[in-house]
Structures are given as structure tokens and as C-alpha cells.
Amino acid sequence: MNIVVIGWGRDGDAPSAAVRELLGGARRLAEKSGGQVVAGALGAAAQAAQGMVAYGADQVLTVDHPALAEADAEAYAAAAEAVCGRTGEALVLVPGDRLGWEVAPRLAHRLKAGLVTDCVSVDWDGSRFVMTKPVYGGKAMAKLVARTAMQVALVRTRAMEALAPQPGRAGRVEALSVDLAPGRVKVIERKKEETQGQVRLEDARVVVSGGRGLGGPEPFKMLEEIARLLGGAVGASLAAVDAGWISPQHQVGQTGKSVAPDLYIAVGISGASQHVAGMSGSKTIVAINKDPEAPIFRVAHIGVVGDYKEVLPAFLAELRKIKGA
């Protein structure tokens, strides 16, 4: 069975980071299942078609159309359907970003395909693809398989790893002519998120998050320094955001952003299910909380029972020594 990667956006001549990750995951799955990797380069991503080959695609089908100029989920779903119409039975991987959450269910409906959202891993068991996702607010992991010929998986950012590019890799690129209806979405206003050179929360390999247990906005300055020294980003619980201690763009959870970093440090976060659902895919979770019964310890790989006012300064001091800061 083939694996199709649906992608939009680009990073110069290369596909976006999310698409590079999916291509890497698809390449590994193809080696196990014996299938081919087909990439659907939609909109601006069509300019990165050769880059998709370098990152693992055997074939790239491009769709460039004025209707794809904006993030219109209907238009992108229709373009993705055209790509999938050329592949036969396949597992379709869709980036788990905001547009992906809108495109994936529309695409699954069009393809009459099974859909698994929020996947933290996809594997091949010898006869079928098995998708894993968090359930019950991140308290458990479910393994799911589709009974349909076409399968759609919406994959979390950083759930898969990109391969090193091979610039000379051979692959076929073909442009598809697709008649897309005019977009029904009209952009009224654009607001650019000011990150001031910081790592985007969704892309960070390290996330340092604070919760209600911090007691106010001041301790977030310490978290920001730790994140900076580790090359990561600062996250927060819903309670901290609601209290006005940090802006909503840092919120992790069901009503915030889903992250899957290599290291997630939760400081003063109790571990409510809605928060855990947004970070349970993290490879290593370190929890610091003075309450030994805090639910966060149930999902943590490393737990530190103690007052963050004592733990963090000591940790930060050692980190500064290591980094020479």
C-alpha cells in the first residue's frame, strides 16, 4: 500500500518542517510495507516539489491554483482528493496544524476513508497500518486500524522525524490540472504573531511550561531563561493563561496547542486532562510539583516532588554553568 503525504507551505526550495517530518515517517513506513511514497504538493508547496523528492518522496503530484492562495480548507481538500485519485489504496498523512485539522475530515469524507486524528505514531504490523493516539484526556493511548481502502491520519507536529535530504535522489514530478471552485473564505485582516526570534511552540524540541502553581507572572521569567538556554519555547496551562500571567499563544492543551517535543518540563502544573491531552506525545516528560498526588506524575517519566522555588534556581544555576552563561 502506498503512503501519500499531503503538504502545503514551503521553506525556500524545501518543503515545510511539518511536511519534511511526514516524508521521513512515510519513507520509513514504505520500507516496511513495500509501498511507494507519493507527495501531494498543494499551493505554494508546488514550488518545493524537488525538495520533497530529496526528503523521501518517490513521486510528487503538484496542484497550484488561485483558490489555494488562502487557507481555504474546502479548496485544499478538493486538491488533495485529486492527488489521492491517482494513488490507489493508500494511507494518507496530513500535517496536524490548524489547516490540517480542517482539511483531514473533509478529505476523509470525500474519499469515504477512515480517519484517525491527533496521531502520535503510525506503524506497520506486517499486514496493515496501526495508528496510535491519546484518549481519555491523554491518560491512555489507543491503537487504531482503518477498515477502509483509503485511510487518513492527521499526525501531530514532531510525531515523526525528517530524514537528511538527498539532493541527487531520483523521483518523478507531475503537475495536475484541477478545476477548483472559487474559495468561500475571504481574508478580512492579517495579524502577524510577534515571536521576537523565539522558537515556535509547536516546533520546539524543548518546552518549559508553567501552571497555576507558579503563583503569578514573575516566575515565567525563570522559565523563559531555561527555555532560551535549552533552545526551546515556553508553554503554559489554561489556568496560567486565564489568570493573565502569560499570553494565550503559549497555552498547551485541548483548547490551546498540541506539542510533542523531545523534552517537556511541567512546572507547577497539576495535570488536568485537557492539558495532558496537548502534551502527552512528548518523548520525555519531567514534572516538578510540590503535591506528590498531582495527576501530572501519572504521565511523567521523571517526577520531582518539591517547591519549584527551590528546584528551579538550582537547576538554572547548573544550566548556566554548563552553557557558560
C-alpha atoms as a PDB file:
ATOM      1  CA  MET A   1       0.000   0.000   0.000  1.00  0.00           C
ATOM      2  CA  ASN A   2       1.263   3.450  -0.896  1.00  0.00           C
ATOM      3  CA  ILE A   3       1.715   6.287   1.561  1.00  0.00           C
ATOM      4  CA  VAL A   4       0.552   9.744   0.493  1.00  0.00           C
ATOM      5  CA  VAL A   5       1.850  12.885   2.189  1.00  0.00           C
ATOM      6  CA  ILE A   6      -0.319  15.969   1.727  1.00  0.00           C
ATOM      7  CA  GLY A   7       1.659  19.177   2.086  1.00  0.00           C
ATOM      8  CA  TRP A   8       1.297  22.934   1.894  1.00  0.00           C
ATOM      9  CA  GLY A   9       3.710  25.750   2.578  1.00  0.00           C
ATOM     10  CA  ARG A  10       7.437  25.685   1.958  1.00  0.00           C
ATOM     11  CA  ASP A  11      10.752  26.768   3.425  1.00  0.00           C
ATOM     12  CA  GLY A  12      12.550  28.242   0.436  1.00  0.00           C
ATOM     13  CA  ASP A  13      13.106  25.377  -2.031  1.00  0.00           C
ATOM     14  CA  ALA A  14      12.413  22.815   0.688  1.00  0.00           C
ATOM     15  CA  PRO A  15       9.020  21.659   1.969  1.00  0.00           C
ATOM     16  CA  SER A  16       7.827  22.959   5.322  1.00  0.00           C
ATOM     17  CA  ALA A  17       9.191  21.386   8.507  1.00  0.00           C
ATOM     18  CA  ALA A  18       5.906  19.544   9.143  1.00  0.00           C
ATOM     19  CA  VAL A  19       5.956  18.028   5.640  1.00  0.00           C
ATOM     20  CA  ARG A  20       9.618  17.049   5.967  1.00  0.00           C
ATOM     21  CA  GLU A  21       8.703  15.140   9.121  1.00  0.00           C
ATOM     22  CA  LEU A  22       5.816  13.340   7.395  1.00  0.00           C
ATOM     23  CA  LEU A  23       8.003  12.457   4.419  1.00  0.00           C
ATOM     24  CA  GLY A  24      10.569  10.940   6.777  1.00  0.00           C
ATOM     25  CA  GLY A  25       7.886   8.920   8.534  1.00  0.00           C
ATOM     26  CA  ALA A  26       6.353   7.865   5.218  1.00  0.00           C
ATOM     27  CA  ARG A  27       9.737   6.739   3.884  1.00  0.00           C
ATOM     28  CA  ARG A  28      10.267   4.502   6.909  1.00  0.00           C
ATOM     29  CA  LEU A  29       6.749   3.070   6.589  1.00  0.00           C
ATOM     30  CA  ALA A  30       7.249   2.414   2.883  1.00  0.00           C
ATOM     31  CA  GLU A  31      10.404   0.423   3.591  1.00  0.00           C
ATOM     32  CA  LYS A  32       8.386  -1.800   5.939  1.00  0.00           C
ATOM     33  CA  SER A  33       5.220  -2.102   3.845  1.00  0.00           C
ATOM     34  CA  GLY A  34       6.793  -2.223   0.394  1.00  0.00           C
ATOM     35  CA  GLY A  35       4.798   0.739  -0.876  1.00  0.00           C
ATOM     36  CA  GLN A  36       5.731   3.978  -2.602  1.00  0.00           C
ATOM     37  CA  VAL A  37       5.762   7.485  -1.111  1.00  0.00           C
ATOM     38  CA  VAL A  38       3.625   9.919  -3.086  1.00  0.00           C
ATOM     39  CA  ALA A  39       3.613  13.585  -2.087  1.00  0.00           C
ATOM     40  CA  GLY A  40       0.815  15.996  -2.875  1.00  0.00           C
ATOM     41  CA  ALA A  41       2.351  19.467  -3.143  1.00  0.00           C
ATOM     42  CA  LEU A  42      -0.518  21.916  -2.863  1.00  0.00           C
ATOM     43  CA  GLY A  43      -0.431  25.673  -3.413  1.00  0.00           C
ATOM     44  CA  ALA A  44       2.913  27.236  -2.513  1.00  0.00           C
ATOM     45  CA  ALA A  45       4.335  23.780  -1.782  1.00  0.00           C
ATOM     46  CA  ALA A  46       4.338  23.101  -5.537  1.00  0.00           C
ATOM     47  CA  GLN A  47       7.490  25.254  -5.702  1.00  0.00           C
ATOM     48  CA  ALA A  48       9.202  22.780  -3.365  1.00  0.00           C
ATOM     49  CA  ALA A  49       8.407  19.636  -5.374  1.00  0.00           C
ATOM     50  CA  GLN A  50      12.049  18.703  -5.992  1.00  0.00           C
ATOM     51  CA  GLY A  51      12.705  19.282  -2.304  1.00  0.00           C
ATOM     52  CA  MET A  52      10.020  16.716  -1.482  1.00  0.00           C
ATOM     53  CA  VAL A  53      11.863  14.166  -3.609  1.00  0.00           C
ATOM     54  CA  ALA A  54      15.083  14.946  -1.753  1.00  0.00           C
ATOM     55  CA  TYR A  55      13.312  14.337   1.561  1.00  0.00           C
ATOM     56  CA  GLY A  56      11.885  10.958   0.598  1.00  0.00           C
ATOM     57  CA  ALA A  57       9.092  11.139  -1.987  1.00  0.00           C
ATOM     58  CA  ASP A  58       9.178   8.730  -4.946  1.00  0.00           C
ATOM     59  CA  GLN A  59       6.603  10.779  -6.829  1.00  0.00           C
ATOM     60  CA  VAL A  60       5.269  14.302  -6.378  1.00  0.00           C
ATOM     61  CA  LEU A  61       1.929  15.448  -7.740  1.00  0.00           C
ATOM     62  CA  THR A  62       1.562  19.221  -7.676  1.00  0.00           C
ATOM     63  CA  VAL A  63      -1.605  21.304  -7.660  1.00  0.00           C
ATOM     64  CA  ASP A  64      -1.217  25.066  -7.961  1.00  0.00           C
ATOM     65  CA  HIS A  65      -4.406  27.107  -8.284  1.00  0.00           C
ATOM     66  CA  PRO A  66      -5.590  30.606  -7.294  1.00  0.00           C
ATOM     67  CA  ALA A  67      -8.120  29.018  -4.901  1.00  0.00           C
ATOM     68  CA  LEU A  68      -5.169  27.740  -2.851  1.00  0.00           C
ATOM     69  CA  ALA A  69      -3.768  31.211  -2.237  1.00  0.00           C
ATOM     70  CA  GLU A  70      -5.644  31.391   1.058  1.00  0.00           C
ATOM     71  CA  ALA A  71      -6.115  28.733   3.741  1.00  0.00           C
ATOM     72  CA  ASP A  72      -9.448  27.535   2.342  1.00  0.00           C
ATOM     73  CA  ALA A  73      -9.983  24.024   3.708  1.00  0.00           C
ATOM     74  CA  GLU A  74     -12.569  23.127   1.048  1.00  0.00           C
ATOM     75  CA  ALA A  75     -10.180  24.033  -1.764  1.00  0.00           C
ATOM     76  CA  TYR A  76      -7.276  22.162  -0.179  1.00  0.00           C
ATOM     77  CA  ALA A  77      -9.442  19.098   0.454  1.00  0.00           C
ATOM     78  CA  ALA A  78     -10.543  19.087  -3.188  1.00  0.00           C
ATOM     79  CA  ALA A  79      -6.930  19.410  -4.369  1.00  0.00           C
ATOM     80  CA  ALA A  80      -5.845  16.608  -2.017  1.00  0.00           C
ATOM     81  CA  GLU A  81      -8.666  14.428  -3.322  1.00  0.00           C
ATOM     82  CA  ALA A  82      -7.329  14.886  -6.853  1.00  0.00           C
ATOM     83  CA  VAL A  83      -3.901  13.731  -5.698  1.00  0.00           C
ATOM     84  CA  CYS A  84      -5.317  10.680  -3.913  1.00  0.00           C
ATOM     85  CA  GLY A  85      -7.329   9.792  -7.010  1.00  0.00           C
ATOM     86  CA  ARG A  86      -4.028   8.935  -8.696  1.00  0.00           C
ATOM     87  CA  THR A  87      -2.585   6.684  -5.998  1.00  0.00           C
ATOM     88  CA  GLY A  88      -4.966   3.766  -5.495  1.00  0.00           C
ATOM     89  CA  GLU A  89      -5.362   2.339  -1.995  1.00  0.00           C
ATOM     90  CA  ALA A  90      -3.222   4.366   0.352  1.00  0.00           C
ATOM     91  CA  LEU A  91      -2.537   5.708   3.799  1.00  0.00           C
ATOM     92  CA  VAL A  92      -2.806   9.493   3.617  1.00  0.00           C
ATOM     93  CA  LEU A  93      -0.762  11.540   6.097  1.00  0.00           C
ATOM     94  CA  VAL A  94      -1.920  15.110   6.800  1.00  0.00           C
ATOM     95  CA  PRO A  95       0.019  17.665   8.886  1.00  0.00           C
ATOM     96  CA  GLY A  96      -1.568  18.253  12.288  1.00  0.00           C
ATOM     97  CA  ASP A  97      -1.580  22.051  12.044  1.00  0.00           C
ATOM     98  CA  ARG A  98      -4.626  24.337  12.041  1.00  0.00           C
ATOM     99  CA  LEU A  99      -5.313  23.897   8.342  1.00  0.00           C
ATOM    100  CA  GLY A 100      -4.783  20.142   8.639  1.00  0.00           C
ATOM    101  CA  TRP A 101      -7.490  19.846  11.295  1.00  0.00           C
ATOM    102  CA  GLU A 102      -9.922  21.352   8.800  1.00  0.00           C
ATOM    103  CA  VAL A 103      -8.696  19.525   5.713  1.00  0.00           C
ATOM    104  CA  ALA A 104      -8.380  15.976   7.102  1.00  0.00           C
ATOM    105  CA  PRO A 105     -12.074  15.343   7.923  1.00  0.00           C
ATOM    106  CA  ARG A 106     -13.190  16.914   4.647  1.00  0.00           C
ATOM    107  CA  LEU A 107     -10.722  14.768   2.721  1.00  0.00           C
ATOM    108  CA  ALA A 108     -11.755  11.597   4.567  1.00  0.00           C
ATOM    109  CA  HIS A 109     -15.391  12.320   3.718  1.00  0.00           C
ATOM    110  CA  ARG A 110     -14.559  12.842   0.051  1.00  0.00           C
ATOM    111  CA  LEU A 111     -12.535   9.610  -0.078  1.00  0.00           C
ATOM    112  CA  LYS A 112     -15.018   7.626   2.047  1.00  0.00           C
ATOM    113  CA  ALA A 113     -11.982   6.845   4.168  1.00  0.00           C
ATOM    114  CA  GLY A 114     -11.380   6.046   7.794  1.00  0.00           C
ATOM    115  CA  LEU A 115      -9.903   8.947   9.760  1.00  0.00           C
ATOM    116  CA  VAL A 116      -7.698   8.977  12.849  1.00  0.00           C
ATOM    117  CA  THR A 117      -6.856  12.402  14.253  1.00  0.00           C
ATOM    118  CA  ASP A 118      -4.095  13.519  16.611  1.00  0.00           C
ATOM    119  CA  CYS A 119      -1.807  10.588  15.790  1.00  0.00           C
ATOM    120  CA  VAL A 120       1.419  10.422  17.763  1.00  0.00           C
ATOM    121  CA  SER A 121       2.728   7.452  15.793  1.00  0.00           C
ATOM    122  CA  VAL A 122       1.935   5.300  12.762  1.00  0.00           C
ATOM    123  CA  ASP A 123       3.417   1.850  12.266  1.00  0.00           C
ATOM    124  CA  TRP A 124       3.136  -1.206  10.022  1.00  0.00           C
ATOM    125  CA  ASP A 125       2.387  -4.512  11.756  1.00  0.00           C
ATOM    126  CA  GLY A 126       3.118  -6.717   8.767  1.00  0.00           C
ATOM    127  CA  SER A 127      -0.307  -6.517   7.153  1.00  0.00           C
ATOM    128  CA  ARG A 128      -1.813  -3.128   7.982  1.00  0.00           C
ATOM    129  CA  PHE A 129      -1.081   0.341   9.289  1.00  0.00           C
ATOM    130  CA  VAL A 130      -1.641   0.913  13.005  1.00  0.00           C
ATOM    131  CA  MET A 131      -2.198   4.460  14.263  1.00  0.00           C
ATOM    132  CA  THR A 132      -1.700   5.494  17.889  1.00  0.00           C
ATOM    133  CA  LYS A 133      -3.411   8.475  19.501  1.00  0.00           C
ATOM    134  CA  PRO A 134      -4.045   9.700  23.056  1.00  0.00           C
ATOM    135  CA  VAL A 135      -7.509   9.136  24.503  1.00  0.00           C
ATOM    136  CA  TYR A 136      -9.314   9.973  27.762  1.00  0.00           C
ATOM    137  CA  GLY A 137      -7.533  13.293  28.000  1.00  0.00           C
ATOM    138  CA  GLY A 138      -4.120  11.734  27.437  1.00  0.00           C
ATOM    139  CA  LYS A 139      -4.498   9.156  30.210  1.00  0.00           C
ATOM    140  CA  ALA A 140      -4.255   6.267  27.762  1.00  0.00           C
ATOM    141  CA  MET A 141      -3.082   5.512  24.226  1.00  0.00           C
ATOM    142  CA  ALA A 142      -5.337   3.814  21.690  1.00  0.00           C
ATOM    143  CA  LYS A 143      -4.093   1.799  18.718  1.00  0.00           C
ATOM    144  CA  LEU A 144      -6.461   2.024  15.776  1.00  0.00           C
ATOM    145  CA  VAL A 145      -6.708   0.491  12.321  1.00  0.00           C
ATOM    146  CA  ALA A 146      -8.936   1.518   9.431  1.00  0.00           C
ATOM    147  CA  ARG A 147     -11.264  -0.911   7.686  1.00  0.00           C
ATOM    148  CA  THR A 148     -11.452   1.197   4.542  1.00  0.00           C
ATOM    149  CA  ALA A 149      -9.272   1.034   1.445  1.00  0.00           C
ATOM    150  CA  MET A 150      -8.226   4.643   1.914  1.00  0.00           C
ATOM    151  CA  GLN A 151      -7.020   5.717   5.336  1.00  0.00           C
ATOM    152  CA  VAL A 152      -6.401   9.274   6.534  1.00  0.00           C
ATOM    153  CA  ALA A 153      -4.175  10.049   9.517  1.00  0.00           C
ATOM    154  CA  LEU A 154      -3.836  13.552  10.962  1.00  0.00           C
ATOM    155  CA  VAL A 155      -0.364  13.491  12.517  1.00  0.00           C
ATOM    156  CA  ARG A 156       0.861  15.681  15.350  1.00  0.00           C
ATOM    157  CA  THR A 157       3.744  18.028  14.707  1.00  0.00           C
ATOM    158  CA  ARG A 158       7.075  16.379  15.636  1.00  0.00           C
ATOM    159  CA  ALA A 159       5.485  12.929  15.947  1.00  0.00           C
ATOM    160  CA  MET A 160       7.685  11.802  13.035  1.00  0.00           C
ATOM    161  CA  GLU A 161      11.297  12.593  12.212  1.00  0.00           C
ATOM    162  CA  ALA A 162      12.586  14.028   8.956  1.00  0.00           C
ATOM    163  CA  LEU A 163      15.382  12.305   7.068  1.00  0.00           C
ATOM    164  CA  ALA A 164      18.527  14.058   5.920  1.00  0.00           C
ATOM    165  CA  PRO A 165      17.926  15.404   2.402  1.00  0.00           C
ATOM    166  CA  GLN A 166      19.443  13.631  -0.617  1.00  0.00           C
ATOM    167  CA  PRO A 167      19.715  16.346  -3.296  1.00  0.00           C
ATOM    168  CA  GLY A 168      20.531  13.875  -6.078  1.00  0.00           C
ATOM    169  CA  ARG A 169      17.677  11.492  -5.276  1.00  0.00           C
ATOM    170  CA  ALA A 170      15.561  10.436  -8.270  1.00  0.00           C
ATOM    171  CA  GLY A 171      11.819  10.985  -8.303  1.00  0.00           C
ATOM    172  CA  ARG A 172       9.030  11.906 -10.689  1.00  0.00           C
ATOM    173  CA  VAL A 173       7.255  15.281 -10.521  1.00  0.00           C
ATOM    174  CA  GLU A 174       3.954  15.799 -12.311  1.00  0.00           C
ATOM    175  CA  ALA A 175       1.656  18.816 -12.346  1.00  0.00           C
ATOM    176  CA  LEU A 176      -2.065  18.078 -12.101  1.00  0.00           C
ATOM    177  CA  SER A 177      -4.677  20.285 -13.723  1.00  0.00           C
ATOM    178  CA  VAL A 178      -7.528  20.540 -11.245  1.00  0.00           C
ATOM    179  CA  ASP A 179     -10.616  22.709 -11.609  1.00  0.00           C
ATOM    180  CA  LEU A 180     -11.203  24.118  -8.128  1.00  0.00           C
ATOM    181  CA  ALA A 181     -14.242  26.190  -7.229  1.00  0.00           C
ATOM    182  CA  PRO A 182     -13.563  29.789  -6.095  1.00  0.00           C
ATOM    183  CA  GLY A 183     -12.720  29.897  -2.420  1.00  0.00           C
ATOM    184  CA  ARG A 184     -15.524  30.615   0.022  1.00  0.00           C
ATOM    185  CA  VAL A 185     -13.149  32.072   2.597  1.00  0.00           C
ATOM    186  CA  LYS A 186     -12.419  35.790   2.474  1.00  0.00           C
ATOM    187  CA  VAL A 187      -9.483  37.176   4.428  1.00  0.00           C
ATOM    188  CA  ILE A 188     -10.589  40.308   6.292  1.00  0.00           C
ATOM    189  CA  GLU A 189      -7.424  41.086   8.204  1.00  0.00           C
ATOM    190  CA  ARG A 190      -3.978  39.648   8.847  1.00  0.00           C
ATOM    191  CA  LYS A 191      -2.143  39.866  12.154  1.00  0.00           C
ATOM    192  CA  LYS A 192       1.452  38.672  12.360  1.00  0.00           C
ATOM    193  CA  GLU A 193       2.402  36.858  15.524  1.00  0.00           C
ATOM    194  CA  GLU A 194       5.419  38.573  17.053  1.00  0.00           C
ATOM    195  CA  THR A 195       7.855  35.919  18.263  1.00  0.00           C
ATOM    196  CA  GLN A 196      10.926  38.185  18.511  1.00  0.00           C
ATOM    197  CA  GLY A 197      13.250  35.438  17.291  1.00  0.00           C
ATOM    198  CA  GLN A 198      11.874  32.840  19.699  1.00  0.00           C
ATOM    199  CA  VAL A 199      11.305  29.209  18.725  1.00  0.00           C
ATOM    200  CA  ARG A 200       7.694  28.497  17.772  1.00  0.00           C
ATOM    201  CA  LEU A 201       5.984  26.450  20.467  1.00  0.00           C
ATOM    202  CA  GLU A 202       4.771  23.789  18.024  1.00  0.00           C
ATOM    203  CA  ASP A 203       8.266  23.337  16.538  1.00  0.00           C
ATOM    204  CA  ALA A 204      10.289  23.379  19.750  1.00  0.00           C
ATOM    205  CA  ARG A 205      12.323  20.331  20.755  1.00  0.00           C
ATOM    206  CA  VAL A 206      12.152  21.519  24.365  1.00  0.00           C
ATOM    207  CA  VAL A 207       9.090  23.075  26.014  1.00  0.00           C
ATOM    208  CA  VAL A 208       9.174  24.522  29.538  1.00  0.00           C
ATOM    209  CA  SER A 209       5.627  25.081  30.809  1.00  0.00           C
ATOM    210  CA  GLY A 210       4.256  26.750  33.897  1.00  0.00           C
ATOM    211  CA  GLY A 211       0.910  26.449  35.618  1.00  0.00           C
ATOM    212  CA  ARG A 212      -1.193  27.732  38.473  1.00  0.00           C
ATOM    213  CA  GLY A 213       1.392  26.516  40.968  1.00  0.00           C
ATOM    214  CA  LEU A 214       3.778  29.304  39.943  1.00  0.00           C
ATOM    215  CA  GLY A 215       1.522  31.765  41.734  1.00  0.00           C
ATOM    216  CA  GLY A 216       1.983  34.699  39.351  1.00  0.00           C
ATOM    217  CA  PRO A 217       3.638  36.048  36.192  1.00  0.00           C
ATOM    218  CA  GLU A 218       7.123  36.692  37.625  1.00  0.00           C
ATOM    219  CA  PRO A 219       8.300  33.031  37.718  1.00  0.00           C
ATOM    220  CA  PHE A 220       7.736  32.798  33.963  1.00  0.00           C
ATOM    221  CA  LYS A 221      10.894  34.895  33.540  1.00  0.00           C
ATOM    222  CA  MET A 222      12.841  31.980  35.011  1.00  0.00           C
ATOM    223  CA  LEU A 223      11.091  29.567  32.657  1.00  0.00           C
ATOM    224  CA  GLU A 224      11.940  31.833  29.725  1.00  0.00           C
ATOM    225  CA  GLU A 225      15.641  31.760  30.627  1.00  0.00           C
ATOM    226  CA  ILE A 226      15.636  27.982  30.980  1.00  0.00           C
ATOM    227  CA  ALA A 227      13.872  27.646  27.614  1.00  0.00           C
ATOM    228  CA  ARG A 228      16.359  30.025  25.993  1.00  0.00           C
ATOM    229  CA  LEU A 229      19.376  28.121  27.334  1.00  0.00           C
ATOM    230  CA  LEU A 230      17.892  24.831  26.129  1.00  0.00           C
ATOM    231  CA  GLY A 231      16.918  26.257  22.741  1.00  0.00           C
ATOM    232  CA  GLY A 232      13.238  25.718  23.477  1.00  0.00           C
ATOM    233  CA  ALA A 233       9.974  27.541  23.998  1.00  0.00           C
ATOM    234  CA  VAL A 234       7.765  28.483  26.928  1.00  0.00           C
ATOM    235  CA  GLY A 235       4.349  26.885  27.366  1.00  0.00           C
ATOM    236  CA  ALA A 236       1.589  27.336  29.900  1.00  0.00           C
ATOM    237  CA  SER A 237      -1.524  25.722  31.298  1.00  0.00           C
ATOM    238  CA  LEU A 238      -5.019  27.079  30.766  1.00  0.00           C
ATOM    239  CA  ALA A 239      -5.097  28.260  34.398  1.00  0.00           C
ATOM    240  CA  ALA A 240      -1.961  30.385  33.937  1.00  0.00           C
ATOM    241  CA  VAL A 241      -3.321  31.905  30.736  1.00  0.00           C
ATOM    242  CA  ASP A 242      -6.738  32.600  32.255  1.00  0.00           C
ATOM    243  CA  ALA A 243      -5.014  34.324  35.175  1.00  0.00           C
ATOM    244  CA  GLY A 244      -3.365  36.695  32.717  1.00  0.00           C
ATOM    245  CA  TRP A 245       0.175  35.635  33.650  1.00  0.00           C
ATOM    246  CA  ILE A 246       1.147  34.814  30.049  1.00  0.00           C
ATOM    247  CA  SER A 247      -0.373  35.314  26.594  1.00  0.00           C
ATOM    248  CA  PRO A 248      -2.747  32.705  25.064  1.00  0.00           C
ATOM    249  CA  GLN A 249      -0.262  31.860  22.287  1.00  0.00           C
ATOM    250  CA  HIS A 250       1.693  29.871  24.894  1.00  0.00           C
ATOM    251  CA  GLN A 251      -1.228  27.701  26.011  1.00  0.00           C
ATOM    252  CA  VAL A 252      -0.796  23.938  25.706  1.00  0.00           C
ATOM    253  CA  GLY A 253      -3.842  21.667  25.805  1.00  0.00           C
ATOM    254  CA  GLN A 254      -7.098  20.752  24.121  1.00  0.00           C
ATOM    255  CA  THR A 255      -8.091  24.399  23.780  1.00  0.00           C
ATOM    256  CA  GLY A 256      -4.524  25.520  23.076  1.00  0.00           C
ATOM    257  CA  LYS A 257      -1.686  23.966  21.101  1.00  0.00           C
ATOM    258  CA  SER A 258      -0.624  20.332  20.874  1.00  0.00           C
ATOM    259  CA  VAL A 259       3.098  19.741  21.226  1.00  0.00           C
ATOM    260  CA  ALA A 260       5.334  16.685  21.040  1.00  0.00           C
ATOM    261  CA  PRO A 261       8.858  17.843  21.948  1.00  0.00           C
ATOM    262  CA  ASP A 262      11.808  15.688  22.892  1.00  0.00           C
ATOM    263  CA  LEU A 263      11.634  17.191  26.401  1.00  0.00           C
ATOM    264  CA  TYR A 264       8.602  18.687  28.165  1.00  0.00           C
ATOM    265  CA  ILE A 265       9.175  20.261  31.588  1.00  0.00           C
ATOM    266  CA  ALA A 266       5.967  20.930  33.539  1.00  0.00           C
ATOM    267  CA  VAL A 267       6.423  23.284  36.479  1.00  0.00           C
ATOM    268  CA  GLY A 268       3.571  23.844  38.920  1.00  0.00           C
ATOM    269  CA  ILE A 269       1.096  22.130  36.596  1.00  0.00           C
ATOM    270  CA  SER A 270      -1.351  19.767  38.282  1.00  0.00           C
ATOM    271  CA  GLY A 271      -2.001  17.701  35.167  1.00  0.00           C
ATOM    272  CA  ALA A 272      -5.633  18.347  34.227  1.00  0.00           C
ATOM    273  CA  SER A 273      -6.784  16.083  31.385  1.00  0.00           C
ATOM    274  CA  GLN A 274      -7.242  18.970  28.959  1.00  0.00           C
ATOM    275  CA  HIS A 275      -3.594  19.982  29.436  1.00  0.00           C
ATOM    276  CA  VAL A 276      -2.201  16.451  29.296  1.00  0.00           C
ATOM    277  CA  ALA A 277      -4.048  15.863  26.011  1.00  0.00           C
ATOM    278  CA  GLY A 278      -1.906  18.563  24.427  1.00  0.00           C
ATOM    279  CA  MET A 279       1.497  17.248  25.526  1.00  0.00           C
ATOM    280  CA  SER A 280       1.138  13.505  26.078  1.00  0.00           C
ATOM    281  CA  GLY A 281       3.051  12.796  22.865  1.00  0.00           C
ATOM    282  CA  SER A 282       6.245  14.282  24.345  1.00  0.00           C
ATOM    283  CA  LYS A 283       9.160  11.862  24.313  1.00  0.00           C
ATOM    284  CA  THR A 284      10.298  12.723  27.849  1.00  0.00           C
ATOM    285  CA  ILE A 285       8.105  14.493  30.421  1.00  0.00           C
ATOM    286  CA  VAL A 286       9.619  15.987  33.571  1.00  0.00           C
ATOM    287  CA  ALA A 287       7.165  17.169  36.233  1.00  0.00           C
ATOM    288  CA  ILE A 288       8.035  19.483  39.136  1.00  0.00           C
ATOM    289  CA  ASN A 289       5.268  19.842  41.710  1.00  0.00           C
ATOM    290  CA  LYS A 290       5.134  20.010  45.487  1.00  0.00           C
ATOM    291  CA  ASP A 291       1.986  17.875  45.583  1.00  0.00           C
ATOM    292  CA  PRO A 292       3.010  14.200  45.380  1.00  0.00           C
ATOM    293  CA  GLU A 293      -0.561  13.284  44.406  1.00  0.00           C
ATOM    294  CA  ALA A 294      -0.686  15.662  41.414  1.00  0.00           C
ATOM    295  CA  PRO A 295      -2.067  13.839  38.325  1.00  0.00           C
ATOM    296  CA  ILE A 296       0.854  15.109  36.230  1.00  0.00           C
ATOM    297  CA  PHE A 297       3.081  12.477  37.852  1.00  0.00           C
ATOM    298  CA  ARG A 298       0.973   9.720  36.245  1.00  0.00           C
ATOM    299  CA  VAL A 299       2.206  10.709  32.793  1.00  0.00           C
ATOM    300  CA  ALA A 300       5.672  11.974  33.757  1.00  0.00           C
ATOM    301  CA  HIS A 301       8.783   9.935  33.001  1.00  0.00           C
ATOM    302  CA  ILE A 302      10.697  11.849  35.684  1.00  0.00           C
ATOM    303  CA  GLY A 303       8.979  13.377  38.685  1.00  0.00           C
ATOM    304  CA  VAL A 304      10.417  15.870  41.156  1.00  0.00           C
ATOM    305  CA  VAL A 305       8.349  16.398  44.301  1.00  0.00           C
ATOM    306  CA  GLY A 306       9.357  19.773  45.651  1.00  0.00           C
ATOM    307  CA  ASP A 307       8.803  23.502  45.647  1.00  0.00           C
ATOM    308  CA  TYR A 308       9.789  24.999  42.309  1.00  0.00           C
ATOM    309  CA  LYS A 309      11.237  27.997  44.221  1.00  0.00           C
ATOM    310  CA  GLU A 310      13.949  25.660  45.447  1.00  0.00           C
ATOM    311  CA  VAL A 311      14.248  23.287  42.491  1.00  0.00           C
ATOM    312  CA  LEU A 312      14.352  25.731  39.568  1.00  0.00           C
ATOM    313  CA  PRO A 313      17.031  28.135  40.860  1.00  0.00           C
ATOM    314  CA  ALA A 314      19.363  25.190  41.499  1.00  0.00           C
ATOM    315  CA  PHE A 315      18.610  23.722  38.086  1.00  0.00           C
ATOM    316  CA  LEU A 316      19.094  27.086  36.388  1.00  0.00           C
ATOM    317  CA  ALA A 317      22.417  27.662  38.154  1.00  0.00           C
ATOM    318  CA  GLU A 318      23.768  24.313  36.892  1.00  0.00           C
ATOM    319  CA  LEU A 319      22.414  25.002  33.423  1.00  0.00           C
ATOM    320  CA  ARG A 320      24.210  28.355  33.300  1.00  0.00           C
ATOM    321  CA  LYS A 321      27.472  26.634  34.253  1.00  0.00           C
ATOM    322  CA  ILE A 322      27.053  24.034  31.511  1.00  0.00           C
ATOM    323  CA  LYS A 323      26.163  26.628  28.902  1.00  0.00           C
ATOM    324  CA  GLY A 324      28.764  29.109  30.120  1.00  0.00           C
ATOM    325  CA  ALA A 325      26.069  31.750  30.542  1.00  0.00           C
END
